[in-house]
Amino acid sequence: MTQQHGYCNFFEGWRIQYIIQFSIAKTLARKFDISLKKVFARYSKRLSVTYENTKEYARSVSLALYTSFARRQHVSQENEEEAC
């Protein structure tokens, strides 16, 4: 049996990543009343924000972006059976 449960969802991951990235960018644009172009110029593609916490330590938060959603070339027969 060659069912591929998670593979289709994994390939659609780039769409989900795109939606999340632009949703955050639009939220920042509305909050600071600037354009999306300026949001990406200010915070970069990863939407990195640097701030100081209550103990005055510099902290940075950024969106984790996957660079590739390519399928693995070799999937063993055992892994396919476990997925079913």
PDB file of N, CA and C in Angstrom:
ATOM      1  N   MET A   1       0.854  -1.176   0.000  1.00  0.00           N
ATOM      2  CA  MET A   1       0.000   0.000   0.000  1.00  0.00           C
ATOM      3  C   MET A   1       0.897   1.235   0.000  1.00  0.00           C
ATOM      4  N   THR A   2       0.655   2.153  -0.897  1.00  0.00           N
ATOM      5  CA  THR A   2       1.530   3.320  -1.021  1.00  0.00           C
ATOM      6  C   THR A   2       0.768   4.608  -0.703  1.00  0.00           C
ATOM      7  N   GLN A   3       0.236   4.701   0.482  1.00  0.00           N
ATOM      8  CA  GLN A   3      -0.435   5.928   0.893  1.00  0.00           C
ATOM      9  C   GLN A   3       0.615   6.934   1.338  1.00  0.00           C
ATOM     10  N   GLN A   4       0.383   8.164   1.008  1.00  0.00           N
ATOM     11  CA  GLN A   4       1.325   9.223   1.359  1.00  0.00           C
ATOM     12  C   GLN A   4       0.582  10.293   2.145  1.00  0.00           C
ATOM     13  N   HIS A   5       0.394  10.050   3.422  1.00  0.00           N
ATOM     14  CA  HIS A   5      -0.418  10.942   4.246  1.00  0.00           C
ATOM     15  C   HIS A   5       0.164  12.343   4.357  1.00  0.00           C
ATOM     16  N   GLY A   6       1.354  12.452   4.860  1.00  0.00           N
ATOM     17  CA  GLY A   6       1.911  13.759   5.170  1.00  0.00           C
ATOM     18  C   GLY A   6       2.582  14.465   4.017  1.00  0.00           C
ATOM     19  N   TYR A   7       2.840  13.767   2.930  1.00  0.00           N
ATOM     20  CA  TYR A   7       3.599  14.367   1.843  1.00  0.00           C
ATOM     21  C   TYR A   7       2.847  15.515   1.176  1.00  0.00           C
ATOM     22  N   CYS A   8       1.585  15.357   0.919  1.00  0.00           N
ATOM     23  CA  CYS A   8       0.818  16.420   0.272  1.00  0.00           C
ATOM     24  C   CYS A   8       0.759  17.651   1.166  1.00  0.00           C
ATOM     25  N   ASN A   9       0.538  17.446   2.437  1.00  0.00           N
ATOM     26  CA  ASN A   9       0.501  18.572   3.369  1.00  0.00           C
ATOM     27  C   ASN A   9       1.851  19.262   3.441  1.00  0.00           C
ATOM     28  N   PHE A  10       2.922  18.498   3.355  1.00  0.00           N
ATOM     29  CA  PHE A  10       4.256  19.079   3.434  1.00  0.00           C
ATOM     30  C   PHE A  10       4.536  19.961   2.223  1.00  0.00           C
ATOM     31  N   PHE A  11       4.072  19.539   1.045  1.00  0.00           N
ATOM     32  CA  PHE A  11       4.299  20.337  -0.154  1.00  0.00           C
ATOM     33  C   PHE A  11       3.487  21.618  -0.141  1.00  0.00           C
ATOM     34  N   GLU A  12       2.387  21.643   0.561  1.00  0.00           N
ATOM     35  CA  GLU A  12       1.587  22.849   0.667  1.00  0.00           C
ATOM     36  C   GLU A  12       2.121  23.772   1.761  1.00  0.00           C
ATOM     37  N   GLY A  13       3.205  23.399   2.405  1.00  0.00           N
ATOM     38  CA  GLY A  13       3.778  24.195   3.482  1.00  0.00           C
ATOM     39  C   GLY A  13       4.227  25.571   3.046  1.00  0.00           C
ATOM     40  N   TRP A  14       4.686  25.707   1.807  1.00  0.00           N
ATOM     41  CA  TRP A  14       5.128  27.020   1.353  1.00  0.00           C
ATOM     42  C   TRP A  14       3.973  28.003   1.308  1.00  0.00           C
ATOM     43  N   ARG A  15       2.770  27.516   1.021  1.00  0.00           N
ATOM     44  CA  ARG A  15       1.606  28.409   1.017  1.00  0.00           C
ATOM     45  C   ARG A  15       1.294  28.893   2.421  1.00  0.00           C
ATOM     46  N   ILE A  16       1.350  27.995   3.363  1.00  0.00           N
ATOM     47  CA  ILE A  16       1.082  28.359   4.754  1.00  0.00           C
ATOM     48  C   ILE A  16       2.133  29.353   5.227  1.00  0.00           C
ATOM     49  N   GLN A  17       3.394  29.098   4.889  1.00  0.00           N
ATOM     50  CA  GLN A  17       4.470  30.010   5.277  1.00  0.00           C
ATOM     51  C   GLN A  17       4.238  31.398   4.678  1.00  0.00           C
ATOM     52  N   TYR A  18       3.830  31.458   3.423  1.00  0.00           N
ATOM     53  CA  TYR A  18       3.565  32.730   2.748  1.00  0.00           C
ATOM     54  C   TYR A  18       2.428  33.478   3.444  1.00  0.00           C
ATOM     55  N   ILE A  19       1.356  32.770   3.779  1.00  0.00           N
ATOM     56  CA  ILE A  19       0.207  33.391   4.434  1.00  0.00           C
ATOM     57  C   ILE A  19       0.603  33.947   5.796  1.00  0.00           C
ATOM     58  N   ILE A  20       1.354  33.175   6.571  1.00  0.00           N
ATOM     59  CA  ILE A  20       1.782  33.632   7.899  1.00  0.00           C
ATOM     60  C   ILE A  20       2.707  34.832   7.785  1.00  0.00           C
ATOM     61  N   GLN A  21       3.668  34.776   6.868  1.00  0.00           N
ATOM     62  CA  GLN A  21       4.625  35.865   6.697  1.00  0.00           C
ATOM     63  C   GLN A  21       3.903  37.168   6.335  1.00  0.00           C
ATOM     64  N   PHE A  22       3.014  37.113   5.378  1.00  0.00           N
ATOM     65  CA  PHE A  22       2.329  38.331   4.973  1.00  0.00           C
ATOM     66  C   PHE A  22       1.281  38.776   5.977  1.00  0.00           C
ATOM     67  N   SER A  23       0.714  37.865   6.726  1.00  0.00           N
ATOM     68  CA  SER A  23      -0.216  38.242   7.781  1.00  0.00           C
ATOM     69  C   SER A  23       0.494  39.045   8.868  1.00  0.00           C
ATOM     70  N   ILE A  24       1.668  38.579   9.262  1.00  0.00           N
ATOM     71  CA  ILE A  24       2.450  39.320  10.265  1.00  0.00           C
ATOM     72  C   ILE A  24       2.874  40.675   9.708  1.00  0.00           C
ATOM     73  N   ALA A  25       3.314  40.699   8.442  1.00  0.00           N
ATOM     74  CA  ALA A  25       3.736  41.953   7.826  1.00  0.00           C
ATOM     75  C   ALA A  25       2.583  42.950   7.743  1.00  0.00           C
ATOM     76  N   LYS A  26       1.389  42.474   7.380  1.00  0.00           N
ATOM     77  CA  LYS A  26       0.237  43.367   7.303  1.00  0.00           C
ATOM     78  C   LYS A  26      -0.167  43.878   8.678  1.00  0.00           C
ATOM     79  N   THR A  27      -0.031  43.031   9.697  1.00  0.00           N
ATOM     80  CA  THR A  27      -0.330  43.463  11.059  1.00  0.00           C
ATOM     81  C   THR A  27       0.620  44.573  11.490  1.00  0.00           C
ATOM     82  N   LEU A  28       1.920  44.400  11.203  1.00  0.00           N
ATOM     83  CA  LEU A  28       2.887  45.448  11.534  1.00  0.00           C
ATOM     84  C   LEU A  28       2.637  46.723  10.737  1.00  0.00           C
ATOM     85  N   ALA A  29       2.270  46.568   9.466  1.00  0.00           N
ATOM     86  CA  ALA A  29       1.987  47.735   8.627  1.00  0.00           C
ATOM     87  C   ALA A  29       0.802  48.528   9.176  1.00  0.00           C
ATOM     88  N   ARG A  30      -0.228  47.837   9.594  1.00  0.00           N
ATOM     89  CA  ARG A  30      -1.389  48.531  10.169  1.00  0.00           C
ATOM     90  C   ARG A  30      -1.059  49.175  11.510  1.00  0.00           C
ATOM     91  N   LYS A  31      -0.260  48.472  12.316  1.00  0.00           N
ATOM     92  CA  LYS A  31       0.088  48.990  13.634  1.00  0.00           C
ATOM     93  C   LYS A  31       0.902  50.274  13.531  1.00  0.00           C
ATOM     94  N   PHE A  32       1.877  50.316  12.613  1.00  0.00           N
ATOM     95  CA  PHE A  32       2.751  51.474  12.485  1.00  0.00           C
ATOM     96  C   PHE A  32       2.337  52.412  11.359  1.00  0.00           C
ATOM     97  N   ASP A  33       1.215  52.127  10.693  1.00  0.00           N
ATOM     98  CA  ASP A  33       0.671  52.940   9.612  1.00  0.00           C
ATOM     99  C   ASP A  33       1.709  53.186   8.514  1.00  0.00           C
ATOM    100  N   ILE A  34       2.304  52.089   8.034  1.00  0.00           N
ATOM    101  CA  ILE A  34       3.277  52.136   6.943  1.00  0.00           C
ATOM    102  C   ILE A  34       2.912  51.080   5.904  1.00  0.00           C
ATOM    103  N   SER A  35       3.563  51.135   4.747  1.00  0.00           N
ATOM    104  CA  SER A  35       3.273  50.176   3.680  1.00  0.00           C
ATOM    105  C   SER A  35       3.988  48.848   3.926  1.00  0.00           C
ATOM    106  N   LEU A  36       3.551  47.808   3.202  1.00  0.00           N
ATOM    107  CA  LEU A  36       4.209  46.504   3.300  1.00  0.00           C
ATOM    108  C   LEU A  36       5.662  46.588   2.851  1.00  0.00           C
ATOM    109  N   LYS A  37       5.928  47.391   1.830  1.00  0.00           N
ATOM    110  CA  LYS A  37       7.293  47.560   1.341  1.00  0.00           C
ATOM    111  C   LYS A  37       8.195  48.108   2.441  1.00  0.00           C
ATOM    112  N   LYS A  38       7.687  49.060   3.213  1.00  0.00           N
ATOM    113  CA  LYS A  38       8.473  49.637   4.308  1.00  0.00           C
ATOM    114  C   LYS A  38       8.628  48.648   5.465  1.00  0.00           C
ATOM    115  N   VAL A  39       7.625  47.799   5.682  1.00  0.00           N
ATOM    116  CA  VAL A  39       7.737  46.776   6.729  1.00  0.00           C
ATOM    117  C   VAL A  39       8.882  45.827   6.406  1.00  0.00           C
ATOM    118  N   PHE A  40       8.930  45.339   5.148  1.00  0.00           N
ATOM    119  CA  PHE A  40       9.998  44.418   4.762  1.00  0.00           C
ATOM    120  C   PHE A  40      11.347  45.120   4.712  1.00  0.00           C
ATOM    121  N   ALA A  41      11.380  46.410   4.414  1.00  0.00           N
ATOM    122  CA  ALA A  41      12.639  47.152   4.436  1.00  0.00           C
ATOM    123  C   ALA A  41      13.138  47.329   5.866  1.00  0.00           C
ATOM    124  N   ARG A  42      12.232  47.583   6.784  1.00  0.00           N
ATOM    125  CA  ARG A  42      12.602  47.825   8.183  1.00  0.00           C
ATOM    126  C   ARG A  42      12.938  46.542   8.928  1.00  0.00           C
ATOM    127  N   TYR A  43      12.147  45.493   8.713  1.00  0.00           N
ATOM    128  CA  TYR A  43      12.293  44.264   9.496  1.00  0.00           C
ATOM    129  C   TYR A  43      12.872  43.095   8.722  1.00  0.00           C
ATOM    130  N   SER A  44      13.204  43.255   7.474  1.00  0.00           N
ATOM    131  CA  SER A  44      13.760  42.258   6.567  1.00  0.00           C
ATOM    132  C   SER A  44      12.719  41.188   6.232  1.00  0.00           C
ATOM    133  N   LYS A  45      13.113  40.247   5.393  1.00  0.00           N
ATOM    134  CA  LYS A  45      12.207  39.184   4.947  1.00  0.00           C
ATOM    135  C   LYS A  45      11.783  38.293   6.107  1.00  0.00           C
ATOM    136  N   ARG A  46      12.673  38.109   7.080  1.00  0.00           N
ATOM    137  CA  ARG A  46      12.373  37.236   8.226  1.00  0.00           C
ATOM    138  C   ARG A  46      11.594  37.944   9.319  1.00  0.00           C
ATOM    139  N   LEU A  47      11.296  39.212   9.129  1.00  0.00           N
ATOM    140  CA  LEU A  47      10.545  40.023  10.088  1.00  0.00           C
ATOM    141  C   LEU A  47      11.190  39.987  11.477  1.00  0.00           C
ATOM    142  N   SER A  48      12.476  40.312  11.521  1.00  0.00           N
ATOM    143  CA  SER A  48      13.242  40.306  12.770  1.00  0.00           C
ATOM    144  C   SER A  48      12.977  41.581  13.570  1.00  0.00           C
ATOM    145  N   VAL A  49      12.682  41.397  14.849  1.00  0.00           N
ATOM    146  CA  VAL A  49      12.433  42.521  15.760  1.00  0.00           C
ATOM    147  C   VAL A  49      13.390  42.383  16.931  1.00  0.00           C
ATOM    148  N   THR A  50      14.111  43.473  17.242  1.00  0.00           N
ATOM    149  CA  THR A  50      15.029  43.494  18.381  1.00  0.00           C
ATOM    150  C   THR A  50      14.438  44.405  19.453  1.00  0.00           C
ATOM    151  N   TYR A  51      14.500  43.965  20.697  1.00  0.00           N
ATOM    152  CA  TYR A  51      13.938  44.734  21.799  1.00  0.00           C
ATOM    153  C   TYR A  51      14.735  44.462  23.060  1.00  0.00           C
ATOM    154  N   GLU A  52      14.484  45.267  24.120  1.00  0.00           N
ATOM    155  CA  GLU A  52      15.084  45.032  25.437  1.00  0.00           C
ATOM    156  C   GLU A  52      13.999  44.524  26.371  1.00  0.00           C
ATOM    157  N   ASN A  53      14.346  43.480  27.126  1.00  0.00           N
ATOM    158  CA  ASN A  53      13.368  42.951  28.070  1.00  0.00           C
ATOM    159  C   ASN A  53      13.425  43.749  29.373  1.00  0.00           C
ATOM    160  N   THR A  54      12.697  43.316  30.392  1.00  0.00           N
ATOM    161  CA  THR A  54      12.615  44.070  31.647  1.00  0.00           C
ATOM    162  C   THR A  54      13.942  44.121  32.394  1.00  0.00           C
ATOM    163  N   LYS A  55      14.822  43.158  32.154  1.00  0.00           N
ATOM    164  CA  LYS A  55      16.138  43.150  32.787  1.00  0.00           C
ATOM    165  C   LYS A  55      17.191  43.845  31.925  1.00  0.00           C
ATOM    166  N   GLU A  56      16.743  44.566  30.907  1.00  0.00           N
ATOM    167  CA  GLU A  56      17.587  45.353  30.001  1.00  0.00           C
ATOM    168  C   GLU A  56      18.545  44.505  29.174  1.00  0.00           C
ATOM    169  N   TYR A  57      18.147  43.284  28.861  1.00  0.00           N
ATOM    170  CA  TYR A  57      18.909  42.446  27.942  1.00  0.00           C
ATOM    171  C   TYR A  57      18.336  42.624  26.544  1.00  0.00           C
ATOM    172  N   ALA A  58      19.210  42.739  25.567  1.00  0.00           N
ATOM    173  CA  ALA A  58      18.762  42.850  24.179  1.00  0.00           C
ATOM    174  C   ALA A  58      18.317  41.476  23.690  1.00  0.00           C
ATOM    175  N   ARG A  59      17.130  41.413  23.149  1.00  0.00           N
ATOM    176  CA  ARG A  59      16.565  40.171  22.629  1.00  0.00           C
ATOM    177  C   ARG A  59      16.136  40.393  21.187  1.00  0.00           C
ATOM    178  N   SER A  60      16.106  39.309  20.438  1.00  0.00           N
ATOM    179  CA  SER A  60      15.693  39.381  19.049  1.00  0.00           C
ATOM    180  C   SER A  60      14.723  38.238  18.750  1.00  0.00           C
ATOM    181  N   VAL A  61      13.679  38.549  17.997  1.00  0.00           N
ATOM    182  CA  VAL A  61      12.689  37.563  17.596  1.00  0.00           C
ATOM    183  C   VAL A  61      12.534  37.666  16.079  1.00  0.00           C
ATOM    184  N   SER A  62      12.529  36.512  15.415  1.00  0.00           N
ATOM    185  CA  SER A  62      12.335  36.529  13.968  1.00  0.00           C
ATOM    186  C   SER A  62      11.509  35.322  13.534  1.00  0.00           C
ATOM    187  N   LEU A  63      10.910  35.437  12.381  1.00  0.00           N
ATOM    188  CA  LEU A  63      10.094  34.382  11.814  1.00  0.00           C
ATOM    189  C   LEU A  63      10.997  33.297  11.241  1.00  0.00           C
ATOM    190  N   ALA A  64      10.741  32.054  11.586  1.00  0.00           N
ATOM    191  CA  ALA A  64      11.537  30.939  11.068  1.00  0.00           C
ATOM    192  C   ALA A  64      11.000  30.558   9.695  1.00  0.00           C
ATOM    193  N   LEU A  65      11.783  30.816   8.673  1.00  0.00           N
ATOM    194  CA  LEU A  65      11.373  30.515   7.306  1.00  0.00           C
ATOM    195  C   LEU A  65      12.120  29.306   6.787  1.00  0.00           C
ATOM    196  N   TYR A  66      11.402  28.375   6.188  1.00  0.00           N
ATOM    197  CA  TYR A  66      12.035  27.229   5.547  1.00  0.00           C
ATOM    198  C   TYR A  66      12.495  27.645   4.155  1.00  0.00           C
ATOM    199  N   THR A  67      13.681  27.214   3.764  1.00  0.00           N
ATOM    200  CA  THR A  67      14.200  27.575   2.453  1.00  0.00           C
ATOM    201  C   THR A  67      13.769  26.584   1.385  1.00  0.00           C
ATOM    202  N   SER A  68      13.446  25.359   1.780  1.00  0.00           N
ATOM    203  CA  SER A  68      13.075  24.361   0.789  1.00  0.00           C
ATOM    204  C   SER A  68      12.017  23.422   1.355  1.00  0.00           C
ATOM    205  N   PHE A  69      11.034  23.157   0.535  1.00  0.00           N
ATOM    206  CA  PHE A  69      10.026  22.172   0.883  1.00  0.00           C
ATOM    207  C   PHE A  69      10.125  20.974  -0.049  1.00  0.00           C
ATOM    208  N   ALA A  70      11.328  20.701  -0.513  1.00  0.00           N
ATOM    209  CA  ALA A  70      11.542  19.603  -1.457  1.00  0.00           C
ATOM    210  C   ALA A  70      11.354  18.257  -0.771  1.00  0.00           C
ATOM    211  N   ARG A  71      10.829  17.315  -1.523  1.00  0.00           N
ATOM    212  CA  ARG A  71      10.613  15.962  -1.012  1.00  0.00           C
ATOM    213  C   ARG A  71      11.947  15.245  -0.930  1.00  0.00           C
ATOM    214  N   ARG A  72      12.099  14.420   0.075  1.00  0.00           N
ATOM    215  CA  ARG A  72      13.290  13.584   0.171  1.00  0.00           C
ATOM    216  C   ARG A  72      13.283  12.595  -0.984  1.00  0.00           C
ATOM    217  N   GLN A  73      14.449  12.365  -1.553  1.00  0.00           N
ATOM    218  CA  GLN A  73      14.544  11.501  -2.736  1.00  0.00           C
ATOM    219  C   GLN A  73      14.296  10.030  -2.415  1.00  0.00           C
ATOM    220  N   HIS A  74      14.831   9.553  -1.308  1.00  0.00           N
ATOM    221  CA  HIS A  74      14.746   8.133  -0.990  1.00  0.00           C
ATOM    222  C   HIS A  74      13.948   7.938   0.294  1.00  0.00           C
ATOM    223  N   VAL A  75      12.816   7.298   0.155  1.00  0.00           N
ATOM    224  CA  VAL A  75      11.995   6.957   1.311  1.00  0.00           C
ATOM    225  C   VAL A  75      11.991   5.443   1.402  1.00  0.00           C
ATOM    226  N   SER A  76      12.417   4.942   2.547  1.00  0.00           N
ATOM    227  CA  SER A  76      12.505   3.489   2.687  1.00  0.00           C
ATOM    228  C   SER A  76      11.111   2.873   2.797  1.00  0.00           C
ATOM    229  N   GLN A  77      11.010   1.624   2.492  1.00  0.00           N
ATOM    230  CA  GLN A  77       9.748   0.897   2.543  1.00  0.00           C
ATOM    231  C   GLN A  77       9.233   0.832   3.975  1.00  0.00           C
ATOM    232  N   GLU A  78      10.140   0.737   4.958  1.00  0.00           N
ATOM    233  CA  GLU A  78       9.728   0.660   6.360  1.00  0.00           C
ATOM    234  C   GLU A  78       9.032   1.937   6.793  1.00  0.00           C
ATOM    235  N   ASN A  79       9.548   3.097   6.363  1.00  0.00           N
ATOM    236  CA  ASN A  79       8.938   4.361   6.744  1.00  0.00           C
ATOM    237  C   ASN A  79       7.541   4.518   6.148  1.00  0.00           C
ATOM    238  N   GLU A  80       7.319   4.027   4.947  1.00  0.00           N
ATOM    239  CA  GLU A  80       6.014   4.108   4.331  1.00  0.00           C
ATOM    240  C   GLU A  80       5.006   3.268   5.091  1.00  0.00           C
ATOM    241  N   GLU A  81       5.426   2.089   5.561  1.00  0.00           N
ATOM    242  CA  GLU A  81       4.534   1.217   6.303  1.00  0.00           C
ATOM    243  C   GLU A  81       4.191   1.798   7.659  1.00  0.00           C
ATOM    244  N   GLU A  82       5.149   2.486   8.308  1.00  0.00           N
ATOM    245  CA  GLU A  82       4.888   3.102   9.604  1.00  0.00           C
ATOM    246  C   GLU A  82       3.919   4.260   9.472  1.00  0.00           C
ATOM    247  N   ALA A  83       3.968   4.977   8.354  1.00  0.00           N
ATOM    248  CA  ALA A  83       3.102   6.140   8.158  1.00  0.00           C
ATOM    249  C   ALA A  83       1.641   5.733   7.993  1.00  0.00           C
ATOM    250  N   CYS A  84       1.390   4.531   7.535  1.00  0.00           N
ATOM    251  CA  CYS A  84       0.013   4.075   7.281  1.00  0.00           C
ATOM    252  C   CYS A  84      -0.657   3.691   8.527  1.00  0.00           C
TER     253      CYS A  84
END
